[in-house]
Amino acid sequence: MELLGSTLAATYAHPRPTPANFLPAISAMASSYRDCFPHCNLTHSLSLPWRPSTYYKAASNSPALAPYCTRSQRVSESTIPPFVSNGTTLFTRYTPDDWHRSNLTNFQESNTSRHNSERLRVDTSRLIQDKYQQTRKTQADSTHNLGERVNDIGFWKSEIIHELDAMIGETNELSDVKKKLERALMETEAPLQVARECLFHREKRMGIDLVHDEVETELLMEVDIILCCQERMKLHLDKAIAQLAANRASQHELEKDLSDKQAAYRIDDKCHHLRNTSDGVSCFRGVERVSAMVSVPESWAKFTDDNILRSQSERAASAKRRDDIQNLLAVTASELWNQFNKVNLAFTSRIAGTADAKNKIQIHLAKTLQEIFQMEMTIEALKKAIRDKSAFLKVAQTRLDERTRRPNTELCRDVAQLRLVNEVYEVDDTIQTLQQRLRDAEDTLQSLVHTKATLEHDLAVKANSLYIDQEKCLTMRRSFPSTRRLVGVC
C-alpha cells in the first residue's frame, strides 16, 4: 500500500495514452479522497501547501485508523521524511471515470481506423484487378493495331518496289537512247561539236574573265548556222536530259519512300513482337506527346500513292520521248569555213589582250609582296617595343604594390608615390598607343594580303583563260572537217 500523499506508481499492461480533451476537477479529486479515507480530515490538507503528516498524526492517536497503515508505517512522525510537493501534483490526478472514458475513446478510434483500413484494402485490391485487366486489354489492342500497321506497310512497300523496278528500267532505256543521239551528233556534226566544246570550255573561265566577248559572239554565231535538223536534235537532246532528271527525281522519291517504309516496317515489326519480358524495355519520359507535324493514316497513304502516280506519269512521258528520239534522224551541215576563220581571229586577238593584262598583274604583285615584307618588319618592331614597355610598367606597378605595405603613418602619398602613379599611367598610355598602332599596321597588312590574294586570283584567272583559249580551243580548232564529211558523204 502506497503512503498517502506520495506519488502513485501505476503499472499498465500497455502504454496508456494521455487524455487530450479533459482534465480532472479538483472537487472530484477531493471527494474521491474523502470516500477512500472517511476518518481523515482532508479539508485542511487539501489547502496548499499540503502537509501529509496530518494523516499519520491521527492514526497514531486513534487505533481505529490502524488498519489503513502497515506495520512498517507505524512509526513516529519524527522518523517520516517530509514530503515536498511541487504544488501541481494534486491537479494532475485523474478519476476512474476519466480513465474509462479514455479507454472507450481509444477503442472507438481503433475500431474506426481498422474499419477504414479494411474498406481501403478491399477497394485497393479490386482497383488493382480492374486496372490490370484494363492494361492487358489496352496492350492487346495496341499489339493488334501494330500488326495491322505492319501489314499496311508491307503492302505499300511491295507496290513501291514494283514501280521502282519499272522506273529504273525506263530510265536505263532513255539513257541508252540519249547516248545514241549524242554519238550521232558527234559523228555527223563535227563543226557543231567543236563550237559547243569551245563554248563549254570557255564556261570554265573564272571571275571577271567570264565575259561575253567577241570570241563568244562568233562561236554562238557559228552554232546558229547549223541546220534546223541539228537544232531539232539538240532540242530533243535537252528534252531527253530534262526527262532523265525528272525520272531520277521520281526514282529518288520512290527510293526515299521505300527506305522509310523499310525502316518503319522493321521498327513496327519489332514493336509488334515486344512483350513485357523483352530486353530493352524501359521508360522514356515525354514520348507519349504527339507532335502536330506528324502525318495521319490518310495523308500517309496519299503520300505514297502520289509518289507512285507521279512515277507512272513520268514513265509514260519518258516512253514517248524515246519514240520521238528514235524517229529523229537528221544528218546535214553547211559551209562553216568563213565563220571558222572569224572565230580563230577573235581567239588570237583575245589571247594577246589577256597575255598583256597578265604581265601587268605580275608587276603589281611583285610590288605588293615587297610592301608586305616591309609591313611585317614594322609589325615586329612594334611588338618588340610593346614588350619593352611592359617591363617598365611591371617595375612601376611592383613599386606601388610594395609601398602599400608601409606601416601606419608611413603610408604617405609623397612625391615618389605620385610620380610612380603618373609613371604607370604614362607607360600604360604608351603601350595603348603602340598597341593601337600595331592594330593599324596589322589592318594594313591584312589589306595588303587581301590585295595580294586578289592579284594572285586575277593572275590565276588570266592564266586559266589563256590556257582555255590558247591550249584547248585553238588546239581543237586547228583541224576542221572537210565539206564531204560535213554533208555526211564520208
Protein backbone atom coordinates (compact mmCIF):
# COMPACT_ATOMS: atom_id res chain seq x y z
CA MET A 1 0.00 0.00 0.00
CA GLU A 2 1.38 3.41 -1.02
CA LEU A 3 1.80 6.14 1.57
CA LEU A 4 -0.84 8.84 1.44
CA GLY A 5 0.50 11.90 -0.20
CA SER A 6 3.26 10.17 -2.15
CA THR A 7 3.32 9.84 -5.95
CA LEU A 8 1.44 6.73 -7.07
CA ALA A 9 3.42 4.45 -9.37
CA ALA A 10 0.78 2.88 -11.67
CA THR A 11 1.64 -0.17 -13.77
CA TYR A 12 -0.19 -0.85 -17.09
CA ALA A 13 -0.14 -3.84 -19.37
CA HIS A 14 0.04 -1.47 -22.36
CA PRO A 15 1.13 2.15 -22.68
CA ARG A 16 -1.64 4.43 -21.51
CA PRO A 17 -2.40 7.27 -23.91
CA THR A 18 -2.58 10.72 -22.42
CA PRO A 19 -6.13 12.11 -22.50
CA ALA A 20 -6.29 15.14 -24.72
CA ASN A 21 -9.78 16.52 -24.21
CA PHE A 22 -10.34 16.80 -20.47
CA LEU A 23 -8.66 17.37 -17.09
CA PRO A 24 -9.84 16.12 -13.68
CA ALA A 25 -11.77 18.53 -11.49
CA ILE A 26 -10.33 19.44 -8.12
CA SER A 27 -13.67 18.77 -6.45
CA ALA A 28 -13.78 15.30 -7.87
CA MET A 29 -10.33 14.50 -6.58
CA ALA A 30 -11.21 15.80 -3.15
CA SER A 31 -14.40 13.74 -3.00
CA SER A 32 -12.50 10.64 -4.05
CA TYR A 33 -10.09 11.09 -1.23
CA ARG A 34 -12.95 11.52 1.24
CA ASP A 35 -14.55 8.29 0.03
CA CYS A 36 -11.33 6.36 0.45
CA PHE A 37 -10.37 7.81 3.82
CA PRO A 38 -13.57 8.82 5.75
CA HIS A 39 -11.75 9.16 9.09
CA CYS A 40 -9.21 11.62 7.76
CA ASN A 41 -9.92 15.32 7.72
CA LEU A 42 -8.51 16.30 4.31
CA THR A 43 -10.15 19.70 4.18
CA HIS A 44 -7.12 21.34 5.68
CA SER A 45 -4.66 19.05 3.96
CA LEU A 46 -6.08 19.89 0.53
CA SER A 47 -5.11 23.51 1.01
CA LEU A 48 -1.72 24.47 -0.28
CA PRO A 49 0.83 23.69 0.93
CA TRP A 50 -0.35 20.14 1.68
CA ARG A 51 1.05 18.51 4.78
CA PRO A 52 0.81 14.71 4.55
CA SER A 53 1.82 14.30 8.19
CA THR A 54 -1.77 15.07 9.28
CA TYR A 55 -2.96 11.53 8.49
CA TYR A 56 -0.15 9.89 10.37
CA LYS A 57 -0.77 12.03 13.47
CA ALA A 58 -4.42 11.00 13.54
CA ALA A 59 -3.51 7.36 13.02
CA SER A 60 -1.09 7.33 15.90
CA ASN A 61 -3.73 8.79 18.27
CA SER A 62 -6.66 6.67 17.05
CA PRO A 63 -6.17 2.89 16.89
CA ALA A 64 -9.23 2.66 14.64
CA LEU A 65 -7.16 4.04 11.80
CA ALA A 66 -4.51 1.41 12.28
CA PRO A 67 -5.85 -0.91 9.57
CA TYR A 68 -5.00 1.69 6.99
CA CYS A 69 -1.35 1.57 7.89
CA THR A 70 1.08 -1.30 7.70
CA ARG A 71 3.40 -2.39 10.44
CA SER A 72 6.29 -0.68 8.79
CA GLN A 73 4.37 2.56 8.61
CA ARG A 74 3.58 2.68 12.37
CA VAL A 75 6.42 4.90 13.25
CA SER A 76 6.60 8.22 14.88
CA GLU A 77 6.15 11.37 12.90
CA SER A 78 9.68 12.40 13.53
CA THR A 79 11.03 9.37 11.62
CA ILE A 80 8.99 10.02 8.40
CA PRO A 81 10.88 12.22 5.94
CA PRO A 82 8.99 15.35 5.00
CA PHE A 83 7.10 15.16 1.64
CA VAL A 84 7.89 18.04 -0.62
CA SER A 85 5.15 18.69 -3.19
CA ASN A 86 5.66 20.68 -6.38
CA GLY A 87 2.28 22.29 -5.93
CA THR A 88 0.69 20.71 -9.00
CA THR A 89 0.57 17.01 -8.16
CA LEU A 90 -2.95 17.25 -6.85
CA PHE A 91 -4.22 18.92 -10.00
CA THR A 92 -2.80 16.26 -12.40
CA ARG A 93 -4.71 13.37 -10.92
CA TYR A 94 -7.48 11.69 -12.98
CA THR A 95 -10.66 9.99 -11.83
CA PRO A 96 -11.66 6.42 -12.72
CA ASP A 97 -14.40 7.87 -14.93
CA ASP A 98 -11.78 9.77 -16.84
CA TRP A 99 -9.76 6.60 -17.19
CA HIS A 100 -12.77 4.62 -18.52
CA ARG A 101 -13.76 7.37 -20.91
CA SER A 102 -10.22 7.49 -22.26
CA ASN A 103 -10.24 3.73 -22.85
CA LEU A 104 -13.60 3.89 -24.62
CA THR A 105 -12.37 6.71 -26.81
CA ASN A 106 -9.26 4.76 -27.78
CA PHE A 107 -11.36 1.65 -28.52
CA GLN A 108 -13.73 3.60 -30.74
CA GLU A 109 -10.85 5.21 -32.59
CA SER A 110 -9.22 1.82 -33.07
CA ASN A 111 -12.45 0.34 -34.45
CA THR A 112 -12.93 3.27 -36.82
CA SER A 113 -9.31 3.13 -38.08
CA ARG A 114 -9.48 -0.63 -38.62
CA HIS A 115 -12.80 -0.33 -40.45
CA ASN A 116 -11.46 2.38 -42.75
CA SER A 117 -8.27 0.41 -43.38
CA GLU A 118 -10.20 -2.77 -44.20
CA ARG A 119 -12.50 -0.93 -46.60
CA LEU A 120 -9.48 0.72 -48.27
CA ARG A 121 -7.73 -2.64 -48.64
CA VAL A 122 -10.76 -4.19 -50.29
CA ASP A 123 -11.20 -1.25 -52.66
CA THR A 124 -7.49 -1.25 -53.46
CA SER A 125 -7.48 -4.95 -54.28
CA ARG A 126 -10.48 -4.54 -56.57
CA LEU A 127 -8.86 -1.48 -58.21
CA ILE A 128 -5.62 -3.38 -58.83
CA GLN A 129 -7.50 -6.21 -60.54
CA ASP A 130 -9.59 -3.84 -62.67
CA LYS A 131 -6.57 -1.81 -63.78
CA TYR A 132 -4.59 -4.97 -64.51
CA GLN A 133 -7.33 -6.29 -66.80
CA GLN A 134 -7.74 -2.90 -68.44
CA THR A 135 -3.98 -2.58 -69.02
CA ARG A 136 -3.78 -6.06 -70.56
CA LYS A 137 -6.69 -5.30 -72.87
CA THR A 138 -5.12 -1.99 -73.90
CA GLN A 139 -1.80 -3.71 -74.64
CA ALA A 140 -3.57 -6.41 -76.66
CA ASP A 141 -5.37 -3.74 -78.71
CA SER A 142 -2.08 -1.93 -79.32
CA THR A 143 -0.41 -5.18 -80.42
CA HIS A 144 -3.28 -5.89 -82.81
CA ASN A 145 -3.09 -2.38 -84.27
CA LEU A 146 0.67 -2.71 -84.70
CA GLY A 147 0.12 -5.96 -86.59
CA GLU A 148 -2.35 -4.29 -88.94
CA ARG A 149 0.08 -1.41 -89.40
CA VAL A 150 2.87 -3.84 -90.34
CA ASN A 151 0.60 -5.40 -92.97
CA ASP A 152 -0.26 -1.98 -94.44
CA ILE A 153 3.40 -1.02 -94.63
CA GLY A 154 4.23 -4.33 -96.31
CA PHE A 155 1.54 -3.76 -98.96
CA TRP A 156 2.72 -0.28 -99.88
CA LYS A 157 6.33 -1.43 -99.80
CA SER A 158 5.61 -4.10 -102.44
CA GLU A 159 3.81 -1.51 -104.60
CA ILE A 160 6.79 0.86 -104.38
CA ILE A 161 9.26 -1.91 -105.26
CA HIS A 162 7.24 -2.85 -108.34
CA GLU A 163 7.02 0.74 -109.57
CA LEU A 164 10.67 1.41 -108.74
CA ASP A 165 11.81 -1.53 -110.87
CA ALA A 166 9.71 -0.26 -113.77
CA MET A 167 11.10 3.29 -113.40
CA ILE A 168 14.71 2.07 -113.27
CA GLY A 169 14.20 0.06 -116.46
CA GLU A 170 12.63 3.03 -118.26
CA THR A 171 15.42 5.38 -117.11
CA ASN A 172 18.09 2.99 -118.37
CA GLU A 173 16.38 2.72 -121.77
CA LEU A 174 16.06 6.51 -122.09
CA SER A 175 19.70 6.93 -121.08
CA ASP A 176 20.76 4.48 -123.81
CA VAL A 177 18.75 6.38 -126.44
CA LYS A 178 20.27 9.68 -125.29
CA LYS A 179 23.80 8.27 -125.64
CA LYS A 180 22.93 7.06 -129.16
CA LEU A 181 21.75 10.58 -130.07
CA GLU A 182 24.94 12.10 -128.68
CA ARG A 183 27.10 9.69 -130.67
CA ALA A 184 25.16 10.60 -133.83
CA LEU A 185 25.78 14.30 -133.21
CA MET A 186 29.47 13.68 -132.60
CA GLU A 187 29.88 11.63 -135.74
CA THR A 188 27.78 13.64 -138.17
CA GLU A 189 28.03 17.15 -136.80
CA ALA A 190 31.71 17.74 -136.07
CA PRO A 191 31.63 21.56 -136.55
CA LEU A 192 28.76 21.89 -134.13
CA GLN A 193 30.56 19.66 -131.69
CA VAL A 194 33.73 21.75 -131.94
CA ALA A 195 31.82 25.01 -131.37
CA ARG A 196 29.92 23.57 -128.43
CA GLU A 197 33.07 22.24 -126.85
CA CYS A 198 34.72 25.63 -127.26
CA LEU A 199 31.75 27.27 -125.56
CA PHE A 200 31.81 24.60 -122.87
CA HIS A 201 35.50 25.10 -122.18
CA ARG A 202 35.13 28.87 -122.08
CA GLU A 203 32.44 28.49 -119.43
CA LYS A 204 35.26 27.36 -117.18
CA ARG A 205 36.74 30.84 -117.20
CA MET A 206 36.77 32.38 -113.74
CA GLY A 207 35.86 35.73 -112.25
CA ILE A 208 35.97 38.84 -114.41
CA ASP A 209 37.22 36.91 -117.43
CA LEU A 210 33.84 35.23 -117.74
CA VAL A 211 32.66 37.90 -120.19
CA HIS A 212 30.57 37.82 -123.29
CA ASP A 213 33.42 38.84 -125.60
CA GLU A 214 33.85 38.75 -129.38
CA VAL A 215 35.05 35.16 -129.30
CA GLU A 216 31.91 34.00 -127.60
CA THR A 217 29.78 36.03 -130.05
CA GLU A 218 31.46 34.40 -133.04
CA LEU A 219 31.14 30.96 -131.51
CA LEU A 220 27.43 31.48 -130.89
CA MET A 221 27.03 32.66 -134.45
CA GLU A 222 28.82 29.53 -135.63
CA VAL A 223 26.36 27.44 -133.68
CA ASP A 224 23.40 29.37 -135.12
CA ILE A 225 24.45 28.46 -138.68
CA ILE A 226 23.70 24.78 -138.08
CA LEU A 227 20.71 23.42 -139.95
CA CYS A 228 17.24 23.12 -138.41
CA CYS A 229 17.66 19.41 -138.33
CA GLN A 230 20.60 19.68 -135.96
CA GLU A 231 18.65 22.17 -133.87
CA ARG A 232 15.88 19.67 -133.57
CA MET A 233 18.36 17.05 -132.47
CA LYS A 234 19.70 19.39 -129.82
CA LEU A 235 16.18 20.24 -128.69
CA HIS A 236 15.34 16.58 -128.34
CA LEU A 237 18.62 16.01 -126.52
CA ASP A 238 17.75 18.75 -123.99
CA LYS A 239 14.30 17.29 -123.57
CA ALA A 240 15.81 13.85 -123.00
CA ILE A 241 18.18 15.29 -120.35
CA ALA A 242 15.27 17.03 -118.63
CA GLN A 243 13.23 13.85 -118.78
CA LEU A 244 16.10 11.89 -117.25
CA ALA A 245 16.26 14.42 -114.44
CA ALA A 246 12.51 14.05 -113.88
CA ASN A 247 12.84 10.27 -113.93
CA ARG A 248 15.69 10.36 -111.43
CA ALA A 249 13.69 12.72 -109.23
CA SER A 250 10.75 10.30 -109.21
CA GLN A 251 13.13 7.41 -108.64
CA HIS A 252 14.72 9.28 -105.74
CA GLU A 253 11.33 9.91 -104.14
CA LEU A 254 10.41 6.24 -104.52
CA GLU A 255 13.75 5.11 -103.09
CA LYS A 256 13.43 7.51 -100.18
CA ASP A 257 9.86 6.40 -99.52
CA LEU A 258 10.94 2.75 -99.78
CA SER A 259 13.80 3.35 -97.34
CA ASP A 260 11.39 5.00 -94.91
CA LYS A 261 8.92 2.15 -95.32
CA GLN A 262 11.62 -0.45 -94.67
CA ALA A 263 12.79 1.38 -91.56
CA ALA A 264 9.20 1.78 -90.35
CA TYR A 265 8.50 -1.89 -91.12
CA ARG A 266 11.48 -3.00 -89.01
CA ILE A 267 10.53 -0.70 -86.15
CA ASP A 268 6.83 -1.61 -86.13
CA ASP A 269 7.60 -5.32 -86.52
CA LYS A 270 9.97 -5.08 -83.55
CA CYS A 271 7.31 -3.20 -81.58
CA HIS A 272 4.71 -5.80 -82.56
CA HIS A 273 6.84 -8.59 -81.09
CA LEU A 274 7.78 -6.72 -77.91
CA ARG A 275 6.46 -8.22 -74.69
CA ASN A 276 6.70 -7.25 -71.04
CA THR A 277 9.61 -9.67 -70.62
CA SER A 278 11.53 -8.49 -73.70
CA ASP A 279 15.00 -6.98 -73.44
CA GLY A 280 15.42 -3.26 -73.93
CA VAL A 281 12.05 -2.33 -72.42
CA SER A 282 12.40 0.87 -70.43
CA CYS A 283 10.66 4.11 -69.53
CA PHE A 284 11.06 7.16 -71.75
CA ARG A 285 9.58 10.36 -70.41
CA GLY A 286 7.53 12.52 -72.74
CA VAL A 287 7.31 10.10 -75.69
CA GLU A 288 3.54 9.91 -75.38
CA ARG A 289 3.19 13.53 -76.51
CA VAL A 290 2.13 13.58 -80.19
CA SER A 291 3.59 16.27 -82.42
CA ALA A 292 1.21 18.26 -84.58
CA MET A 293 3.63 17.92 -87.51
CA VAL A 294 3.32 14.15 -87.94
CA SER A 295 1.17 12.60 -90.64
CA VAL A 296 -2.14 10.81 -90.26
CA PRO A 297 -3.08 7.50 -91.92
CA GLU A 298 -4.92 9.31 -94.72
CA SER A 299 -2.04 11.64 -95.56
CA TRP A 300 0.43 8.76 -95.11
CA ALA A 301 -1.34 6.58 -97.70
CA LYS A 302 -1.91 9.55 -100.03
CA PHE A 303 1.80 10.43 -99.95
CA THR A 304 2.88 7.02 -101.21
CA ASP A 305 0.02 6.87 -103.73
CA ASP A 306 1.02 10.27 -105.12
CA ASN A 307 4.63 9.12 -105.48
CA ILE A 308 3.52 6.06 -107.44
CA LEU A 309 1.17 8.08 -109.66
CA ARG A 310 3.90 10.63 -110.36
CA SER A 311 6.33 7.85 -111.28
CA GLN A 312 3.79 6.28 -113.64
CA SER A 313 3.20 9.65 -115.31
CA GLU A 314 6.94 10.24 -115.76
CA ARG A 315 7.37 6.75 -117.18
CA ALA A 316 4.69 7.41 -119.80
CA ALA A 317 6.34 10.73 -120.79
CA SER A 318 9.74 9.04 -120.94
CA ALA A 319 8.43 6.32 -123.27
CA LYS A 320 7.01 8.98 -125.62
CA ARG A 321 10.31 10.85 -125.58
CA ARG A 322 12.19 7.70 -126.56
CA ASP A 323 9.90 7.16 -129.53
CA ASP A 324 10.48 10.75 -130.71
CA ILE A 325 14.25 10.38 -130.47
CA GLN A 326 14.16 7.08 -132.32
CA ASN A 327 12.30 8.82 -135.17
CA LEU A 328 14.67 11.80 -135.24
CA LEU A 329 17.46 11.34 -137.83
CA ALA A 330 18.95 14.39 -139.47
CA VAL A 331 22.47 14.41 -140.78
CA THR A 332 23.19 17.60 -142.82
CA ALA A 333 25.64 20.54 -142.48
CA SER A 334 26.58 23.85 -144.12
CA GLU A 335 29.77 25.58 -145.08
CA LEU A 336 31.47 26.93 -141.96
CA TRP A 337 34.90 27.99 -143.27
CA ASN A 338 34.31 31.76 -143.17
CA GLN A 339 32.89 31.58 -139.70
CA PHE A 340 35.67 29.26 -138.68
CA ASN A 341 38.31 31.88 -139.69
CA LYS A 342 36.44 34.67 -137.88
CA VAL A 343 36.38 32.63 -134.71
CA ASN A 344 40.11 31.90 -134.98
CA LEU A 345 40.94 35.62 -135.48
CA ALA A 346 38.81 36.54 -132.45
CA PHE A 347 40.66 33.94 -130.40
CA THR A 348 44.05 35.39 -131.46
CA SER A 349 43.06 38.93 -130.51
CA ARG A 350 41.62 37.84 -127.15
CA ILE A 351 44.71 35.83 -126.27
CA ALA A 352 47.00 38.84 -126.93
CA GLY A 353 44.91 41.11 -124.67
CA THR A 354 44.81 38.52 -121.88
CA ALA A 355 48.59 38.00 -122.03
CA ASP A 356 49.23 41.77 -121.72
CA ALA A 357 46.91 42.01 -118.67
CA LYS A 358 48.69 39.05 -117.11
CA ASN A 359 52.10 40.73 -117.42
CA LYS A 360 50.84 43.92 -115.73
CA ILE A 361 49.31 41.92 -112.87
CA GLN A 362 52.65 40.21 -112.26
CA ILE A 363 54.38 43.59 -111.91
CA HIS A 364 51.83 44.85 -109.36
CA LEU A 365 52.02 41.58 -107.47
CA ALA A 366 55.80 41.89 -107.07
CA LYS A 367 55.44 45.42 -105.64
CA THR A 368 52.71 44.28 -103.26
CA LEU A 369 54.86 41.42 -101.98
CA GLN A 370 57.72 43.85 -101.26
CA GLU A 371 55.39 46.13 -99.30
CA ILE A 372 54.03 43.18 -97.32
CA PHE A 373 57.58 42.29 -96.30
CA GLN A 374 58.25 45.84 -95.11
CA MET A 375 55.00 45.98 -93.16
CA GLU A 376 55.75 42.68 -91.45
CA MET A 377 59.09 44.10 -90.29
CA THR A 378 57.28 47.16 -88.92
CA ILE A 379 54.83 44.96 -87.03
CA GLU A 380 57.66 43.01 -85.44
CA ALA A 381 59.28 46.29 -84.35
CA LEU A 382 56.01 47.43 -82.76
CA LYS A 383 55.63 44.15 -80.92
CA LYS A 384 59.20 44.42 -79.58
CA ALA A 385 58.53 47.99 -78.41
CA ILE A 386 55.38 46.88 -76.60
CA ARG A 387 57.26 44.06 -74.89
CA ASP A 388 59.99 46.51 -73.79
CA LYS A 389 57.41 48.91 -72.32
CA SER A 390 55.79 46.07 -70.41
CA ALA A 391 58.93 45.70 -68.29
CA PHE A 392 58.78 49.39 -67.25
CA LEU A 393 55.10 49.02 -66.37
CA LYS A 394 55.78 45.95 -64.25
CA VAL A 395 58.53 47.73 -62.30
CA ALA A 396 56.33 50.76 -61.59
CA GLN A 397 53.36 48.63 -60.53
CA THR A 398 55.62 46.44 -58.36
CA ARG A 399 56.97 49.54 -56.62
CA LEU A 400 53.45 50.78 -55.96
CA ASP A 401 52.46 47.37 -54.63
CA GLU A 402 55.46 47.22 -52.29
CA ARG A 403 54.81 50.76 -50.99
CA THR A 404 51.27 49.80 -49.99
CA ARG A 405 52.89 47.72 -47.22
CA ARG A 406 54.36 50.75 -45.42
CA PRO A 407 53.11 50.76 -41.83
CA ASN A 408 50.80 53.31 -40.24
CA THR A 409 51.69 56.93 -40.94
CA GLU A 410 54.48 55.91 -43.30
CA LEU A 411 51.76 55.06 -45.84
CA CYS A 412 52.07 58.58 -47.23
CA ARG A 413 51.16 59.97 -50.65
CA ASP A 414 54.54 61.54 -51.14
CA VAL A 415 56.17 62.83 -54.30
CA ALA A 416 57.58 59.40 -55.07
CA GLN A 417 54.11 57.86 -54.78
CA LEU A 418 52.57 60.44 -57.11
CA ARG A 419 55.41 60.08 -59.57
CA LEU A 420 55.02 56.29 -59.60
CA VAL A 421 51.29 56.66 -60.27
CA ASN A 422 51.99 59.06 -63.11
CA GLU A 423 54.63 56.68 -64.43
CA VAL A 424 52.08 53.82 -64.51
CA TYR A 425 49.60 55.96 -66.42
CA GLU A 426 52.25 57.22 -68.82
CA VAL A 427 53.66 53.78 -69.57
CA ASP A 428 50.18 52.31 -69.91
CA ASP A 429 49.20 55.12 -72.28
CA THR A 430 52.35 54.48 -74.29
CA ILE A 431 51.54 50.78 -74.51
CA GLN A 432 47.96 51.55 -75.57
CA THR A 433 49.25 53.92 -78.28
CA LEU A 434 51.70 51.31 -79.55
CA GLN A 435 49.00 48.61 -79.49
CA GLN A 436 46.66 50.86 -81.48
CA ARG A 437 49.44 51.49 -83.99
CA LEU A 438 50.06 47.73 -84.07
CA ARG A 439 46.39 47.11 -84.83
CA ASP A 440 46.54 49.72 -87.59
CA ALA A 441 49.63 48.07 -89.01
CA GLU A 442 48.00 44.64 -88.85
CA ASP A 443 44.91 46.02 -90.59
CA THR A 444 47.13 47.49 -93.28
CA LEU A 445 48.93 44.18 -93.59
CA GLN A 446 45.62 42.40 -93.95
CA SER A 447 44.65 44.86 -96.68
CA LEU A 448 47.93 44.19 -98.45
CA VAL A 449 47.41 40.44 -98.09
CA HIS A 450 43.89 40.83 -99.46
CA THR A 451 45.28 42.82 -102.40
CA LYS A 452 47.92 40.13 -102.91
CA ALA A 453 45.26 37.42 -102.87
CA THR A 454 43.16 39.43 -105.34
CA LEU A 455 46.12 39.87 -107.69
CA GLU A 456 47.06 36.21 -107.41
CA HIS A 457 43.48 35.21 -108.05
CA ASP A 458 43.29 37.55 -111.05
CA LEU A 459 46.59 36.17 -112.27
CA ALA A 460 45.25 32.64 -111.96
CA VAL A 461 42.10 33.75 -113.78
CA LYS A 462 44.16 35.17 -116.64
CA ALA A 463 46.34 32.06 -116.78
CA ASN A 464 43.24 29.89 -116.84
CA SER A 465 41.72 31.99 -119.65
CA LEU A 466 44.94 31.76 -121.68
CA TYR A 467 45.03 28.01 -121.14
CA ILE A 468 41.41 27.61 -122.24
CA ASP A 469 41.62 29.88 -125.31
CA GLN A 470 45.11 29.03 -126.46
CA GLU A 471 45.70 25.43 -125.42
CA LYS A 472 42.23 23.92 -125.53
CA CYS A 473 40.11 25.87 -128.02
CA LEU A 474 42.73 26.82 -130.64
CA THR A 475 44.36 23.39 -130.47
CA MET A 476 40.96 21.80 -131.06
CA ARG A 477 40.15 24.18 -133.91
CA ARG A 478 43.39 23.64 -135.84
CA SER A 479 41.69 20.89 -137.75
CA PHE A 480 38.31 21.25 -139.40
CA PRO A 481 36.19 18.60 -141.17
CA SER A 482 36.08 18.66 -144.92
CA THR A 483 32.94 19.58 -146.79
CA ARG A 484 32.29 15.97 -147.72
CA ARG A 485 32.34 14.97 -144.06
CA LEU A 486 30.13 17.88 -143.12
CA VAL A 487 27.44 16.82 -145.55
CA GLY A 488 27.77 13.23 -144.44
CA VAL A 489 29.15 11.75 -147.60
CA CYS A 490 32.02 10.02 -145.90
